[in-house]
Amino acid sequence: MTFEEIYALAKQRKQEMPEGKSTTELFRKGVDGIGKKLVEEAAESWMAARFESRDAQALELSQVLYYVACMMAEKGLTLEEVNAKL
């Protein structure tokens, strides 16, 4: 899955708010809830880089990317806006 696809999924989940999905609950918590998950996953990716396998690190980093996409969807940021800052 590319980041563009992850972002599209996050936007879709934000729009549809499907019941029973953890992302729906996260969007209900807003910026603070998403931010907490983003920080948590960033810390876990750091710890995985220090003490765990490459596979574990890849998993944690993929979760960071997902929560970045969720934050973008929550705030209505576009890929173009973020890419312009890279």
Protein backbone atom coordinates (compact mmCIF):
# COMPACT_ATOMS: atom_id res chain seq x y z
CA MET A 1 0.00 0.00 0.00
CA THR A 2 1.38 3.43 -0.89
CA PHE A 3 1.06 6.47 1.35
CA GLU A 4 -1.44 7.89 -1.13
CA GLU A 5 -3.58 4.77 -0.67
CA ILE A 6 -3.25 4.97 3.12
CA TYR A 7 -4.34 8.61 2.99
CA ALA A 8 -7.30 7.75 0.74
CA LEU A 9 -8.34 5.03 3.21
CA ALA A 10 -8.09 7.43 6.16
CA LYS A 11 -10.19 10.03 4.32
CA GLN A 12 -12.77 7.36 3.45
CA ARG A 13 -12.96 6.19 7.07
CA LYS A 14 -13.34 9.81 8.23
CA GLN A 15 -16.17 10.38 5.76
CA GLU A 16 -18.01 7.10 6.32
CA MET A 17 -17.27 6.55 10.04
CA PRO A 18 -18.01 2.79 9.82
CA GLU A 19 -19.20 1.30 13.09
CA GLY A 20 -16.89 -1.17 14.77
CA LYS A 21 -13.70 0.25 13.29
CA SER A 22 -10.96 1.48 15.60
CA THR A 23 -10.29 4.35 13.22
CA THR A 24 -13.88 5.54 13.68
CA GLU A 25 -13.34 5.67 17.43
CA LEU A 26 -10.10 7.51 16.88
CA PHE A 27 -11.78 10.14 14.69
CA ARG A 28 -14.43 10.58 17.38
CA LYS A 29 -11.62 11.51 19.80
CA GLY A 30 -10.40 14.18 17.39
CA VAL A 31 -6.98 15.76 17.16
CA ASP A 32 -6.01 14.86 20.73
CA GLY A 33 -6.82 11.16 20.30
CA ILE A 34 -5.08 10.94 16.95
CA GLY A 35 -2.10 12.86 18.30
CA LYS A 36 -1.74 10.50 21.25
CA LYS A 37 -1.72 7.49 18.91
CA LEU A 38 0.77 9.19 16.61
CA VAL A 39 3.16 9.91 19.49
CA GLU A 40 2.69 6.39 20.89
CA GLU A 41 3.52 4.75 17.56
CA ALA A 42 6.49 7.06 17.01
CA ALA A 43 7.90 6.02 20.39
CA GLU A 44 7.25 2.36 19.62
CA SER A 45 9.03 2.69 16.27
CA TRP A 46 12.05 4.19 18.04
CA MET A 47 12.09 1.35 20.56
CA ALA A 48 11.71 -1.22 17.79
CA ALA A 49 14.69 0.33 16.01
CA ARG A 50 16.75 -0.01 19.18
CA PHE A 51 15.70 -3.40 20.46
CA GLU A 52 13.59 -5.37 17.98
CA SER A 53 13.75 -6.91 14.53
CA ARG A 54 13.55 -5.10 11.22
CA ASP A 55 10.10 -6.60 10.76
CA ALA A 56 8.91 -5.15 14.07
CA GLN A 57 10.34 -1.76 13.14
CA ALA A 58 8.64 -1.85 9.74
CA LEU A 59 5.32 -2.62 11.44
CA GLU A 60 5.68 0.26 13.89
CA LEU A 61 6.68 2.70 11.16
CA SER A 62 3.72 1.63 9.04
CA GLN A 63 1.48 2.51 11.97
CA VAL A 64 3.11 5.93 12.26
CA LEU A 65 2.31 6.55 8.61
CA TYR A 66 -1.30 5.48 9.11
CA TYR A 67 -1.79 7.89 12.01
CA VAL A 68 -0.12 10.68 10.03
CA ALA A 69 -2.71 10.04 7.33
CA CYS A 70 -5.48 10.08 9.95
CA MET A 71 -4.27 13.42 11.30
CA MET A 72 -4.19 14.83 7.79
CA ALA A 73 -7.75 13.60 7.18
CA GLU A 74 -8.91 15.00 10.51
CA LYS A 75 -7.52 18.44 9.73
CA GLY A 76 -8.40 18.38 6.03
CA LEU A 77 -4.79 18.65 4.88
CA THR A 78 -4.12 17.49 1.35
CA LEU A 79 -1.21 15.47 0.05
CA GLU A 80 -0.21 18.47 -2.01
CA GLU A 81 0.03 20.69 1.06
CA VAL A 82 2.22 18.21 2.90
CA ASN A 83 4.31 17.31 -0.15
CA ALA A 84 5.04 21.01 -0.71
CA LYS A 85 6.83 21.02 2.66
CA LEU A 86 9.05 18.01 1.89
